[in-house]
Amino acid sequence: MRMLHLGLRVTDLERSLAFYTAVGYAKVGGVPETEFGSLTMLQLPDDPFVSLELVHDPARPVEDIGAVNHLVVQVDDLSATIAELAIRGVMAEPPTELGPGMRTSWLTDPDGYRIELVQWPPEHPPGMTAADFA
């Protein structure tokens, strides 16, 4: 079994698509008419799979983001990522050191969803594992 992607309801598709494109996602496809609304599939450049689906129905704007605490995106160089995001008009919070080589920063998307940017220490495997909690 494997987690494929998260479907995130958005109020204004174009505004959200512009934000997530500035963050680094690329649109790889979409489904215009479903029972949920239109579906826009997004993929990060180093990820072989779609990881985020923007779900948009103009009749159902986002009214409560409380069910999603935050999304997490791994970056190789947090300082460079924050600088690049600023050039693209996306402001990130100042980085925080969480341990040797582990740094995080936060963004907020147009609907108020929080996104955590994480830079792992160089020897850390890509992603979180049980070893992180030992």
C-alpha atoms as a PDB file:
ATOM      1  CA  MET A   1       0.000   0.000   0.000  1.00  0.00           C
ATOM      2  CA  ARG A   2       1.215   3.546  -0.711  1.00  0.00           C
ATOM      3  CA  MET A   3      -0.119   7.070  -0.226  1.00  0.00           C
ATOM      4  CA  LEU A   4      -0.544   8.599  -3.671  1.00  0.00           C
ATOM      5  CA  HIS A   5      -1.579  12.216  -3.219  1.00  0.00           C
ATOM      6  CA  LEU A   6      -3.709  14.649  -1.245  1.00  0.00           C
ATOM      7  CA  GLY A   7      -6.816  16.266  -2.711  1.00  0.00           C
ATOM      8  CA  LEU A   8      -6.963  19.836  -1.395  1.00  0.00           C
ATOM      9  CA  ARG A   9     -10.151  21.882  -1.905  1.00  0.00           C
ATOM     10  CA  VAL A  10      -9.407  25.423  -3.115  1.00  0.00           C
ATOM     11  CA  THR A  11     -11.626  28.481  -3.494  1.00  0.00           C
ATOM     12  CA  ASP A  12      -9.990  30.151  -6.510  1.00  0.00           C
ATOM     13  CA  LEU A  13      -8.279  27.662  -8.816  1.00  0.00           C
ATOM     14  CA  GLU A  14      -6.238  30.203 -10.773  1.00  0.00           C
ATOM     15  CA  ARG A  15      -4.973  31.921  -7.608  1.00  0.00           C
ATOM     16  CA  SER A  16      -4.076  28.577  -5.992  1.00  0.00           C
ATOM     17  CA  LEU A  17      -2.486  27.254  -9.180  1.00  0.00           C
ATOM     18  CA  ALA A  18      -0.343  30.420  -9.411  1.00  0.00           C
ATOM     19  CA  PHE A  19       0.723  29.978  -5.764  1.00  0.00           C
ATOM     20  CA  TYR A  20       1.593  26.285  -6.040  1.00  0.00           C
ATOM     21  CA  THR A  21       3.385  26.856  -9.362  1.00  0.00           C
ATOM     22  CA  ALA A  22       5.471  29.573  -7.668  1.00  0.00           C
ATOM     23  CA  VAL A  23       6.270  27.096  -4.874  1.00  0.00           C
ATOM     24  CA  GLY A  24       7.635  24.715  -7.532  1.00  0.00           C
ATOM     25  CA  TYR A  25       4.791  22.394  -8.485  1.00  0.00           C
ATOM     26  CA  ALA A  26       4.023  21.759 -12.152  1.00  0.00           C
ATOM     27  CA  LYS A  27       0.570  21.036 -13.517  1.00  0.00           C
ATOM     28  CA  VAL A  28       0.631  17.606 -15.149  1.00  0.00           C
ATOM     29  CA  GLY A  29      -3.046  17.139 -15.955  1.00  0.00           C
ATOM     30  CA  GLY A  30      -6.593  17.549 -14.868  1.00  0.00           C
ATOM     31  CA  VAL A  31     -10.123  16.256 -14.940  1.00  0.00           C
ATOM     32  CA  PRO A  32     -12.616  19.047 -15.690  1.00  0.00           C
ATOM     33  CA  GLU A  33     -15.892  17.610 -14.414  1.00  0.00           C
ATOM     34  CA  THR A  34     -16.251  15.275 -11.442  1.00  0.00           C
ATOM     35  CA  GLU A  35     -18.729  15.031  -8.589  1.00  0.00           C
ATOM     36  CA  PHE A  36     -16.159  16.941  -6.479  1.00  0.00           C
ATOM     37  CA  GLY A  37     -15.482  19.678  -9.061  1.00  0.00           C
ATOM     38  CA  SER A  38     -12.498  20.105 -11.370  1.00  0.00           C
ATOM     39  CA  LEU A  39      -9.321  18.248 -10.426  1.00  0.00           C
ATOM     40  CA  THR A  40      -5.878  19.683 -11.188  1.00  0.00           C
ATOM     41  CA  MET A  41      -2.927  17.322 -10.670  1.00  0.00           C
ATOM     42  CA  LEU A  42       0.396  18.785  -9.492  1.00  0.00           C
ATOM     43  CA  GLN A  43       3.863  17.281  -9.252  1.00  0.00           C
ATOM     44  CA  LEU A  44       7.106  18.522  -7.718  1.00  0.00           C
ATOM     45  CA  PRO A  45      10.148  18.545 -10.037  1.00  0.00           C
ATOM     46  CA  ASP A  46      12.097  15.784  -8.256  1.00  0.00           C
ATOM     47  CA  ASP A  47       9.056  13.622  -7.523  1.00  0.00           C
ATOM     48  CA  PRO A  48       8.130  10.925 -10.051  1.00  0.00           C
ATOM     49  CA  PHE A  49       4.438  11.074  -9.076  1.00  0.00           C
ATOM     50  CA  VAL A  50       1.601  13.544  -8.604  1.00  0.00           C
ATOM     51  CA  SER A  51       1.544  14.527  -4.923  1.00  0.00           C
ATOM     52  CA  LEU A  52      -1.134  17.241  -4.810  1.00  0.00           C
ATOM     53  CA  GLU A  53      -4.565  17.504  -6.405  1.00  0.00           C
ATOM     54  CA  LEU A  54      -6.341  20.858  -6.350  1.00  0.00           C
ATOM     55  CA  VAL A  55     -10.102  20.284  -6.108  1.00  0.00           C
ATOM     56  CA  HIS A  56     -12.192  23.249  -7.247  1.00  0.00           C
ATOM     57  CA  ASP A  57     -15.941  23.776  -7.335  1.00  0.00           C
ATOM     58  CA  PRO A  58     -17.026  27.449  -7.506  1.00  0.00           C
ATOM     59  CA  ALA A  59     -20.236  26.536  -5.679  1.00  0.00           C
ATOM     60  CA  ARG A  60     -18.228  25.117  -2.747  1.00  0.00           C
ATOM     61  CA  PRO A  61     -15.597  27.625  -1.583  1.00  0.00           C
ATOM     62  CA  VAL A  62     -13.239  26.696   1.240  1.00  0.00           C
ATOM     63  CA  GLU A  63     -14.875  27.695   4.501  1.00  0.00           C
ATOM     64  CA  ASP A  64     -12.924  25.593   6.990  1.00  0.00           C
ATOM     65  CA  ILE A  65      -9.278  24.548   6.692  1.00  0.00           C
ATOM     66  CA  GLY A  66      -9.250  22.964  10.135  1.00  0.00           C
ATOM     67  CA  ALA A  67      -9.273  19.387   8.856  1.00  0.00           C
ATOM     68  CA  VAL A  68      -5.819  19.817   7.270  1.00  0.00           C
ATOM     69  CA  ASN A  69      -3.145  20.783   9.780  1.00  0.00           C
ATOM     70  CA  HIS A  70      -0.341  21.257   7.254  1.00  0.00           C
ATOM     71  CA  LEU A  71       1.405  19.900   4.165  1.00  0.00           C
ATOM     72  CA  VAL A  72       5.143  19.139   4.202  1.00  0.00           C
ATOM     73  CA  VAL A  73       7.561  19.632   1.302  1.00  0.00           C
ATOM     74  CA  GLN A  74      11.187  18.518   1.511  1.00  0.00           C
ATOM     75  CA  VAL A  75      13.804  20.874   0.054  1.00  0.00           C
ATOM     76  CA  ASP A  76      17.535  20.407  -0.466  1.00  0.00           C
ATOM     77  CA  ASP A  77      18.599  23.931   0.552  1.00  0.00           C
ATOM     78  CA  LEU A  78      16.104  25.855   2.680  1.00  0.00           C
ATOM     79  CA  SER A  79      17.868  29.218   2.406  1.00  0.00           C
ATOM     80  CA  ALA A  80      18.049  28.989  -1.397  1.00  0.00           C
ATOM     81  CA  THR A  81      14.409  27.874  -1.567  1.00  0.00           C
ATOM     82  CA  ILE A  82      13.232  30.786   0.581  1.00  0.00           C
ATOM     83  CA  ALA A  83      15.217  33.224  -1.585  1.00  0.00           C
ATOM     84  CA  GLU A  84      13.771  31.746  -4.803  1.00  0.00           C
ATOM     85  CA  LEU A  85      10.238  31.859  -3.390  1.00  0.00           C
ATOM     86  CA  ALA A  86      10.684  35.541  -2.486  1.00  0.00           C
ATOM     87  CA  ILE A  87      11.675  36.275  -6.102  1.00  0.00           C
ATOM     88  CA  ARG A  88       8.423  34.567  -7.163  1.00  0.00           C
ATOM     89  CA  GLY A  89       6.382  36.634  -4.691  1.00  0.00           C
ATOM     90  CA  VAL A  90       5.867  33.899  -2.076  1.00  0.00           C
ATOM     91  CA  MET A  91       6.925  34.926   1.407  1.00  0.00           C
ATOM     92  CA  ALA A  92       8.188  32.294   3.840  1.00  0.00           C
ATOM     93  CA  GLU A  93       8.667  32.647   7.573  1.00  0.00           C
ATOM     94  CA  PRO A  94      12.257  32.820   8.846  1.00  0.00           C
ATOM     95  CA  PRO A  95      13.869  29.370   9.139  1.00  0.00           C
ATOM     96  CA  THR A  96      13.994  27.505  12.434  1.00  0.00           C
ATOM     97  CA  GLU A  97      16.692  25.004  13.461  1.00  0.00           C
ATOM     98  CA  LEU A  98      15.054  21.868  14.883  1.00  0.00           C
ATOM     99  CA  GLY A  99      18.247  19.890  15.374  1.00  0.00           C
ATOM    100  CA  PRO A 100      21.644  19.375  13.790  1.00  0.00           C
ATOM    101  CA  GLY A 101      21.112  20.045  10.087  1.00  0.00           C
ATOM    102  CA  MET A 102      17.293  19.982  10.287  1.00  0.00           C
ATOM    103  CA  ARG A 103      15.675  23.272   9.371  1.00  0.00           C
ATOM    104  CA  THR A 104      12.081  24.273   8.682  1.00  0.00           C
ATOM    105  CA  SER A 105      10.138  27.262   7.428  1.00  0.00           C
ATOM    106  CA  TRP A 106       6.451  27.879   6.840  1.00  0.00           C
ATOM    107  CA  LEU A 107       4.291  29.251   4.014  1.00  0.00           C
ATOM    108  CA  THR A 108       0.568  29.917   3.855  1.00  0.00           C
ATOM    109  CA  ASP A 109      -1.401  29.298   0.650  1.00  0.00           C
ATOM    110  CA  PRO A 110      -4.244  31.548  -0.617  1.00  0.00           C
ATOM    111  CA  ASP A 111      -6.903  29.579   1.307  1.00  0.00           C
ATOM    112  CA  GLY A 112      -4.891  29.612   4.544  1.00  0.00           C
ATOM    113  CA  TYR A 113      -3.434  26.094   4.379  1.00  0.00           C
ATOM    114  CA  ARG A 114      -0.016  25.909   6.046  1.00  0.00           C
ATOM    115  CA  ILE A 115       2.956  24.365   4.237  1.00  0.00           C
ATOM    116  CA  GLU A 116       6.083  23.322   6.094  1.00  0.00           C
ATOM    117  CA  LEU A 117       9.342  23.361   4.147  1.00  0.00           C
ATOM    118  CA  VAL A 118      11.840  20.870   5.604  1.00  0.00           C
ATOM    119  CA  GLN A 119      15.571  20.542   4.999  1.00  0.00           C
ATOM    120  CA  TRP A 120      16.904  17.251   6.385  1.00  0.00           C
ATOM    121  CA  PRO A 121      20.508  16.784   7.553  1.00  0.00           C
ATOM    122  CA  PRO A 122      22.757  15.528   4.709  1.00  0.00           C
ATOM    123  CA  GLU A 123      22.828  11.907   5.943  1.00  0.00           C
ATOM    124  CA  HIS A 124      19.046  11.695   6.479  1.00  0.00           C
ATOM    125  CA  PRO A 125      17.032   9.435   4.138  1.00  0.00           C
ATOM    126  CA  PRO A 126      14.458  11.177   1.928  1.00  0.00           C
ATOM    127  CA  GLY A 127      11.333  11.283   4.039  1.00  0.00           C
ATOM    128  CA  MET A 128      10.425  10.499   7.610  1.00  0.00           C
ATOM    129  CA  THR A 129      10.900   6.974   8.957  1.00  0.00           C
ATOM    130  CA  ALA A 130      10.450   5.115  12.253  1.00  0.00           C
ATOM    131  CA  ALA A 131      14.127   5.863  12.949  1.00  0.00           C
ATOM    132  CA  ASP A 132      13.188   9.535  13.422  1.00  0.00           C
ATOM    133  CA  PHE A 133      11.242   8.533  16.541  1.00  0.00           C
ATOM    134  CA  ALA A 134      13.683   6.036  18.094  1.00  0.00           C
END
